[in-house]
PDB file of all heavy atoms in Angstrom:
ATOM      1  N   ASN A   1      27.141  20.001   5.705  1.00  0.00           N
ATOM      2  CA  ASN A   1      25.733  20.428   5.677  1.00  0.00           C
ATOM      3  C   ASN A   1      24.787  19.474   6.391  1.00  0.00           C
ATOM      4  O   ASN A   1      23.597  19.546   6.152  1.00  0.00           O
ATOM      5  CB  ASN A   1      25.259  20.566   4.215  1.00  0.00           C
ATOM      6  CG  ASN A   1      25.916  21.725   3.499  1.00  0.00           C
ATOM      7  OD1 ASN A   1      26.179  22.758   4.115  1.00  0.00           O
ATOM      8  ND2 ASN A   1      26.180  21.546   2.222  1.00  0.00           N
ATOM      9  N   ASP A   2      25.234  18.660   7.244  1.00  0.00           N
ATOM     10  CA  ASP A   2      24.434  17.640   7.935  1.00  0.00           C
ATOM     11  C   ASP A   2      23.038  18.180   8.298  1.00  0.00           C
ATOM     12  O   ASP A   2      22.795  18.679   9.393  1.00  0.00           O
ATOM     13  CB  ASP A   2      25.174  17.196   9.204  1.00  0.00           C
ATOM     14  CG  ASP A   2      24.554  15.966   9.836  1.00  0.00           C
ATOM     15  OD1 ASP A   2      23.366  15.694   9.582  1.00  0.00           O
ATOM     16  OD2 ASP A   2      25.251  15.286  10.609  1.00  0.00           O
ATOM     17  N   TYR A   3      22.099  18.037   7.364  1.00  0.00           N
ATOM     18  CA  TYR A   3      20.792  18.673   7.512  1.00  0.00           C
ATOM     19  C   TYR A   3      20.013  18.123   8.704  1.00  0.00           C
ATOM     20  O   TYR A   3      19.334  18.871   9.411  1.00  0.00           O
ATOM     21  CB  TYR A   3      19.973  18.504   6.228  1.00  0.00           C
ATOM     22  CG  TYR A   3      20.636  19.110   5.020  1.00  0.00           C
ATOM     23  CD1 TYR A   3      21.193  18.297   4.036  1.00  0.00           C
ATOM     24  CD2 TYR A   3      20.734  20.491   4.879  1.00  0.00           C
ATOM     25  CE1 TYR A   3      21.829  18.844   2.933  1.00  0.00           C
ATOM     26  CE2 TYR A   3      21.361  21.051   3.774  1.00  0.00           C
ATOM     27  CZ  TYR A   3      21.909  20.219   2.811  1.00  0.00           C
ATOM     28  OH  TYR A   3      22.547  20.772   1.725  1.00  0.00           O
ATOM     29  N   GLU A   4      20.111  16.817   8.940  1.00  0.00           N
ATOM     30  CA  GLU A   4      19.374  16.227  10.054  1.00  0.00           C
ATOM     31  C   GLU A   4      19.850  16.795  11.385  1.00  0.00           C
ATOM     32  O   GLU A   4      19.075  16.965  12.332  1.00  0.00           O
ATOM     33  CB  GLU A   4      19.550  14.703  10.045  1.00  0.00           C
ATOM     34  CG  GLU A   4      18.887  14.011   8.861  1.00  0.00           C
ATOM     35  CD  GLU A   4      17.389  14.248   8.845  1.00  0.00           C
ATOM     36  OE1 GLU A   4      16.766  14.238   9.931  1.00  0.00           O
ATOM     37  OE2 GLU A   4      16.840  14.468   7.747  1.00  0.00           O
ATOM     38  N   LYS A   5      21.131  17.134  11.439  1.00  0.00           N
ATOM     39  CA  LYS A   5      21.714  17.634  12.684  1.00  0.00           C
ATOM     40  C   LYS A   5      21.536  19.144  12.828  1.00  0.00           C
ATOM     41  O   LYS A   5      21.233  19.639  13.924  1.00  0.00           O
ATOM     42  CB  LYS A   5      23.194  17.268  12.727  1.00  0.00           C
ATOM     43  CG  LYS A   5      23.922  17.694  13.993  1.00  0.00           C
ATOM     44  CD  LYS A   5      25.371  17.211  13.950  1.00  0.00           C
ATOM     45  CE  LYS A   5      26.135  17.606  15.206  1.00  0.00           C
ATOM     46  NZ  LYS A   5      27.538  17.135  15.160  1.00  0.00           N
ATOM     47  N   TYR A   6      21.723  19.874  11.745  1.00  0.00           N
ATOM     48  CA  TYR A   6      21.814  21.336  11.851  1.00  0.00           C
ATOM     49  C   TYR A   6      20.499  22.066  11.594  1.00  0.00           C
ATOM     50  O   TYR A   6      20.348  23.220  11.981  1.00  0.00           O
ATOM     51  CB  TYR A   6      22.885  21.865  10.898  1.00  0.00           C
ATOM     52  CG  TYR A   6      24.263  21.327  11.197  1.00  0.00           C
ATOM     53  CD1 TYR A   6      25.103  20.914  10.166  1.00  0.00           C
ATOM     54  CD2 TYR A   6      24.713  21.215  12.518  1.00  0.00           C
ATOM     55  CE1 TYR A   6      26.366  20.413  10.437  1.00  0.00           C
ATOM     56  CE2 TYR A   6      25.966  20.709  12.790  1.00  0.00           C
ATOM     57  CZ  TYR A   6      26.798  20.309  11.744  1.00  0.00           C
ATOM     58  OH  TYR A   6      28.043  19.805  12.016  1.00  0.00           O
ATOM     59  N   VAL A   7      19.538  21.425  10.919  1.00  0.00           N
ATOM     60  CA  VAL A   7      18.239  22.068  10.690  1.00  0.00           C
ATOM     61  C   VAL A   7      17.300  21.625  11.804  1.00  0.00           C
ATOM     62  O   VAL A   7      16.980  20.432  11.914  1.00  0.00           O
ATOM     63  CB  VAL A   7      17.666  21.708   9.310  1.00  0.00           C
ATOM     64  CG1 VAL A   7      16.299  22.367   9.128  1.00  0.00           C
ATOM     65  CG2 VAL A   7      18.625  22.152   8.205  1.00  0.00           C
ATOM     66  N   GLN A   8      16.882  22.557  12.633  1.00  0.00           N
ATOM     67  CA  GLN A   8      16.043  22.240  13.785  1.00  0.00           C
ATOM     68  C   GLN A   8      14.813  23.136  13.794  1.00  0.00           C
ATOM     69  O   GLN A   8      14.856  24.270  13.307  1.00  0.00           O
ATOM     70  CB  GLN A   8      16.839  22.429  15.089  1.00  0.00           C
ATOM     71  CG  GLN A   8      18.082  21.545  15.162  1.00  0.00           C
ATOM     72  CD  GLN A   8      18.924  21.831  16.388  1.00  0.00           C
ATOM     73  OE1 GLN A   8      18.412  22.340  17.383  1.00  0.00           O
ATOM     74  NE2 GLN A   8      20.212  21.492  16.327  1.00  0.00           N
ATOM     75  N   VAL A   9      13.724  22.624  14.340  1.00  0.00           N
ATOM     76  CA  VAL A   9      12.447  23.346  14.393  1.00  0.00           C
ATOM     77  C   VAL A   9      12.167  23.742  15.836  1.00  0.00           C
ATOM     78  O   VAL A   9      12.323  22.932  16.752  1.00  0.00           O
ATOM     79  CB  VAL A   9      11.299  22.464  13.853  1.00  0.00           C
ATOM     80  CG1 VAL A   9       9.966  23.199  13.989  1.00  0.00           C
ATOM     81  CG2 VAL A   9      11.566  22.083  12.397  1.00  0.00           C
ATOM     82  N   PHE A  10      11.758  24.995  16.027  1.00  0.00           N
ATOM     83  CA  PHE A  10      11.431  25.500  17.362  1.00  0.00           C
ATOM     84  C   PHE A  10      10.012  26.065  17.352  1.00  0.00           C
ATOM     85  O   PHE A  10       9.665  26.854  16.454  1.00  0.00           O
ATOM     86  CB  PHE A  10      12.398  26.623  17.768  1.00  0.00           C
ATOM     87  CG  PHE A  10      13.791  26.164  18.048  1.00  0.00           C
ATOM     88  CD1 PHE A  10      14.686  25.926  17.004  1.00  0.00           C
ATOM     89  CD2 PHE A  10      14.228  25.952  19.343  1.00  0.00           C
ATOM     90  CE1 PHE A  10      15.978  25.496  17.245  1.00  0.00           C
ATOM     91  CE2 PHE A  10      15.523  25.517  19.609  1.00  0.00           C
ATOM     92  CZ  PHE A  10      16.398  25.291  18.561  1.00  0.00           C
ATOM     93  N   GLU A  11       9.217  25.663  18.321  1.00  0.00           N
ATOM     94  CA  GLU A  11       7.910  26.281  18.532  1.00  0.00           C
ATOM     95  C   GLU A  11       8.098  27.446  19.496  1.00  0.00           C
ATOM     96  O   GLU A  11       8.546  27.259  20.630  1.00  0.00           O
ATOM     97  CB  GLU A  11       6.923  25.264  19.119  1.00  0.00           C
ATOM     98  CG  GLU A  11       6.527  24.168  18.160  1.00  0.00           C
ATOM     99  CD  GLU A  11       5.654  24.664  17.024  1.00  0.00           C
ATOM    100  OE1 GLU A  11       5.015  25.737  17.172  1.00  0.00           O
ATOM    101  OE2 GLU A  11       5.608  23.992  15.973  1.00  0.00           O
ATOM    102  N   LEU A  12       7.802  28.665  19.057  1.00  0.00           N
ATOM    103  CA  LEU A  12       8.025  29.836  19.899  1.00  0.00           C
ATOM    104  C   LEU A  12       6.923  29.978  20.931  1.00  0.00           C
ATOM    105  O   LEU A  12       5.737  29.762  20.632  1.00  0.00           O
ATOM    106  CB  LEU A  12       8.076  31.097  19.037  1.00  0.00           C
ATOM    107  CG  LEU A  12       9.173  31.165  17.968  1.00  0.00           C
ATOM    108  CD1 LEU A  12       9.126  32.511  17.255  1.00  0.00           C
ATOM    109  CD2 LEU A  12      10.548  30.921  18.570  1.00  0.00           C
ATOM    110  N   ASP A  13       7.319  30.371  22.129  1.00  0.00           N
ATOM    111  CA  ASP A  13       6.335  30.693  23.163  1.00  0.00           C
ATOM    112  C   ASP A  13       5.697  32.045  22.845  1.00  0.00           C
ATOM    113  O   ASP A  13       6.342  32.932  22.271  1.00  0.00           O
ATOM    114  CB  ASP A  13       7.015  30.775  24.532  1.00  0.00           C
ATOM    115  CG  ASP A  13       7.571  29.431  24.990  1.00  0.00           C
ATOM    116  OD1 ASP A  13       6.944  28.413  24.655  1.00  0.00           O
ATOM    117  OD2 ASP A  13       8.615  29.421  25.671  1.00  0.00           O
ATOM    118  N   PRO A  14       4.420  32.238  23.222  1.00  0.00           N
ATOM    119  CA  PRO A  14       3.783  33.534  22.957  1.00  0.00           C
ATOM    120  C   PRO A  14       4.448  34.637  23.780  1.00  0.00           C
ATOM    121  O   PRO A  14       4.829  34.408  24.933  1.00  0.00           O
ATOM    122  CB  PRO A  14       2.331  33.315  23.385  1.00  0.00           C
ATOM    123  CG  PRO A  14       2.380  32.159  24.325  1.00  0.00           C
ATOM    124  CD  PRO A  14       3.497  31.287  23.867  1.00  0.00           C
ATOM    125  N   PRO A  15       4.604  35.838  23.219  1.00  0.00           N
ATOM    126  CA  PRO A  15       5.169  36.946  23.986  1.00  0.00           C
ATOM    127  C   PRO A  15       4.280  37.298  25.172  1.00  0.00           C
ATOM    128  O   PRO A  15       3.088  36.928  25.232  1.00  0.00           O
ATOM    129  CB  PRO A  15       5.215  38.092  22.968  1.00  0.00           C
ATOM    130  CG  PRO A  15       5.186  37.436  21.637  1.00  0.00           C
ATOM    131  CD  PRO A  15       4.344  36.203  21.821  1.00  0.00           C
ATOM    132  N   GLY A  16       4.826  38.040  26.120  1.00  0.00           N
ATOM    133  CA  GLY A  16       4.072  38.444  27.289  1.00  0.00           C
ATOM    134  C   GLY A  16       2.807  39.190  26.914  1.00  0.00           C
ATOM    135  O   GLY A  16       2.808  40.022  26.007  1.00  0.00           O
ATOM    136  N   GLY A  17       1.705  38.891  27.610  1.00  0.00           N
ATOM    137  CA  GLY A  17       0.430  39.538  27.331  1.00  0.00           C
ATOM    138  C   GLY A  17      -0.445  38.758  26.378  1.00  0.00           C
ATOM    139  O   GLY A  17      -1.584  39.154  26.113  1.00  0.00           O
ATOM    140  N   PHE A  18       0.054  37.631  25.844  1.00  0.00           N
ATOM    141  CA  PHE A  18      -0.718  36.815  24.902  1.00  0.00           C
ATOM    142  C   PHE A  18      -0.783  35.385  25.430  1.00  0.00           C
ATOM    143  O   PHE A  18       0.213  34.828  25.901  1.00  0.00           O
ATOM    144  CB  PHE A  18      -0.089  36.834  23.506  1.00  0.00           C
ATOM    145  CG  PHE A  18      -0.170  38.176  22.826  1.00  0.00           C
ATOM    146  CD1 PHE A  18       0.831  39.121  23.020  1.00  0.00           C
ATOM    147  CD2 PHE A  18      -1.252  38.493  22.022  1.00  0.00           C
ATOM    148  CE1 PHE A  18       0.758  40.358  22.410  1.00  0.00           C
ATOM    149  CE2 PHE A  18      -1.324  39.728  21.406  1.00  0.00           C
ATOM    150  CZ  PHE A  18      -0.323  40.671  21.607  1.00  0.00           C
ATOM    151  N   SER A  19      -1.965  34.819  25.320  1.00  0.00           N
ATOM    152  CA  SER A  19      -2.157  33.461  25.840  1.00  0.00           C
ATOM    153  C   SER A  19      -1.642  32.396  24.885  1.00  0.00           C
ATOM    154  O   SER A  19      -1.294  31.289  25.308  1.00  0.00           O
ATOM    155  CB  SER A  19      -3.645  33.215  26.135  1.00  0.00           C
ATOM    156  OG  SER A  19      -4.411  33.378  24.936  1.00  0.00           O
ATOM    157  N   ASP A  20      -1.621  32.706  23.601  1.00  0.00           N
ATOM    158  CA  ASP A  20      -1.131  31.732  22.615  1.00  0.00           C
ATOM    159  C   ASP A  20      -0.587  32.480  21.404  1.00  0.00           C
ATOM    160  O   ASP A  20      -0.826  33.668  21.215  1.00  0.00           O
ATOM    161  CB  ASP A  20      -2.241  30.763  22.204  1.00  0.00           C
ATOM    162  CG  ASP A  20      -3.497  31.493  21.740  1.00  0.00           C
ATOM    163  OD1 ASP A  20      -3.380  32.382  20.861  1.00  0.00           O
ATOM    164  OD2 ASP A  20      -4.585  31.198  22.271  1.00  0.00           O
ATOM    165  N   MET A  21       0.172  31.750  20.555  1.00  0.00           N
ATOM    166  CA  MET A  21       0.779  32.367  19.378  1.00  0.00           C
ATOM    167  C   MET A  21      -0.271  32.751  18.340  1.00  0.00           C
ATOM    168  O   MET A  21      -0.055  33.677  17.560  1.00  0.00           O
ATOM    169  CB  MET A  21       1.819  31.425  18.763  1.00  0.00           C
ATOM    170  CG  MET A  21       3.125  31.364  19.536  1.00  0.00           C
ATOM    171  SD  MET A  21       3.952  32.983  19.699  1.00  0.00           S
ATOM    172  CE  MET A  21       4.421  33.300  18.001  1.00  0.00           C
ATOM    173  N   GLU A  22      -1.388  32.042  18.317  1.00  0.00           N
ATOM    174  CA  GLU A  22      -2.422  32.370  17.330  1.00  0.00           C
ATOM    175  C   GLU A  22      -2.937  33.790  17.530  1.00  0.00           C
ATOM    176  O   GLU A  22      -3.064  34.560  16.566  1.00  0.00           O
ATOM    177  CB  GLU A  22      -3.568  31.364  17.415  1.00  0.00           C
ATOM    178  CG  GLU A  22      -4.642  31.601  16.338  1.00  0.00           C
ATOM    179  CD  GLU A  22      -5.766  30.580  16.408  1.00  0.00           C
ATOM    180  OE1 GLU A  22      -5.744  29.705  17.293  1.00  0.00           O
ATOM    181  OE2 GLU A  22      -6.679  30.674  15.561  1.00  0.00           O
ATOM    182  N   SER A  23      -3.222  34.162  18.780  1.00  0.00           N
ATOM    183  CA  SER A  23      -3.723  35.520  19.025  1.00  0.00           C
ATOM    184  C   SER A  23      -2.630  36.557  18.769  1.00  0.00           C
ATOM    185  O   SER A  23      -2.907  37.645  18.259  1.00  0.00           O
ATOM    186  CB  SER A  23      -4.243  35.639  20.458  1.00  0.00           C
ATOM    187  OG  SER A  23      -3.243  35.311  21.398  1.00  0.00           O
ATOM    188  N   PHE A  24      -1.380  36.214  19.132  1.00  0.00           N
ATOM    189  CA  PHE A  24      -0.293  37.158  18.846  1.00  0.00           C
ATOM    190  C   PHE A  24      -0.117  37.349  17.340  1.00  0.00           C
ATOM    191  O   PHE A  24       0.027  38.466  16.849  1.00  0.00           O
ATOM    192  CB  PHE A  24       1.022  36.667  19.462  1.00  0.00           C
ATOM    193  CG  PHE A  24       2.204  37.479  19.029  1.00  0.00           C
ATOM    194  CD1 PHE A  24       2.424  38.759  19.528  1.00  0.00           C
ATOM    195  CD2 PHE A  24       3.091  36.999  18.070  1.00  0.00           C
ATOM    196  CE1 PHE A  24       3.502  39.523  19.101  1.00  0.00           C
ATOM    197  CE2 PHE A  24       4.162  37.745  17.635  1.00  0.00           C
ATOM    198  CZ  PHE A  24       4.375  39.018  18.154  1.00  0.00           C
ATOM    199  N   ASN A  25      -0.137  36.247  16.600  1.00  0.00           N
ATOM    200  CA  ASN A  25       0.048  36.342  15.154  1.00  0.00           C
ATOM    201  C   ASN A  25      -1.063  37.158  14.496  1.00  0.00           C
ATOM    202  O   ASN A  25      -0.828  37.878  13.521  1.00  0.00           O
ATOM    203  CB  ASN A  25       0.102  34.945  14.528  1.00  0.00           C
ATOM    204  CG  ASN A  25       1.433  34.275  14.779  1.00  0.00           C
ATOM    205  OD1 ASN A  25       2.439  34.938  14.990  1.00  0.00           O
ATOM    206  ND2 ASN A  25       1.440  32.939  14.765  1.00  0.00           N
ATOM    207  N   HIS A  26      -2.271  37.053  15.033  1.00  0.00           N
ATOM    208  CA  HIS A  26      -3.380  37.837  14.496  1.00  0.00           C
ATOM    209  C   HIS A  26      -3.091  39.334  14.654  1.00  0.00           C
ATOM    210  O   HIS A  26      -3.282  40.119  13.716  1.00  0.00           O
ATOM    211  CB  HIS A  26      -4.680  37.458  15.212  1.00  0.00           C
ATOM    212  CG  HIS A  26      -5.878  38.227  14.733  1.00  0.00           C
ATOM    213  ND1 HIS A  26      -6.504  37.955  13.524  1.00  0.00           N
ATOM    214  CD2 HIS A  26      -6.555  39.278  15.283  1.00  0.00           C
ATOM    215  CE1 HIS A  26      -7.514  38.799  13.359  1.00  0.00           C
ATOM    216  NE2 HIS A  26      -7.558  39.615  14.412  1.00  0.00           N
ATOM    217  N   GLU A  27      -2.609  39.732  15.822  1.00  0.00           N
ATOM    218  CA  GLU A  27      -2.288  41.147  16.048  1.00  0.00           C
ATOM    219  C   GLU A  27      -1.078  41.573  15.220  1.00  0.00           C
ATOM    220  O   GLU A  27      -1.051  42.661  14.649  1.00  0.00           O
ATOM    221  CB  GLU A  27      -2.023  41.395  17.533  1.00  0.00           C
ATOM    222  CG  GLU A  27      -1.740  42.855  17.850  1.00  0.00           C
ATOM    223  CD  GLU A  27      -1.759  43.159  19.332  1.00  0.00           C
ATOM    224  OE1 GLU A  27      -2.677  42.660  20.028  1.00  0.00           O
ATOM    225  OE2 GLU A  27      -0.857  43.884  19.791  1.00  0.00           O
TER     226      GLU A  27
END
C-alpha cells in the first residue's frame, strides 16, 4: 500500500471551450 508512491494528485486541465476549471465547474 505504499501511499507516498501510489497516491498521486493531478490538477486537471479545463476541457475545450473553457479558460479555467473554475468556470467549467460552475457550469
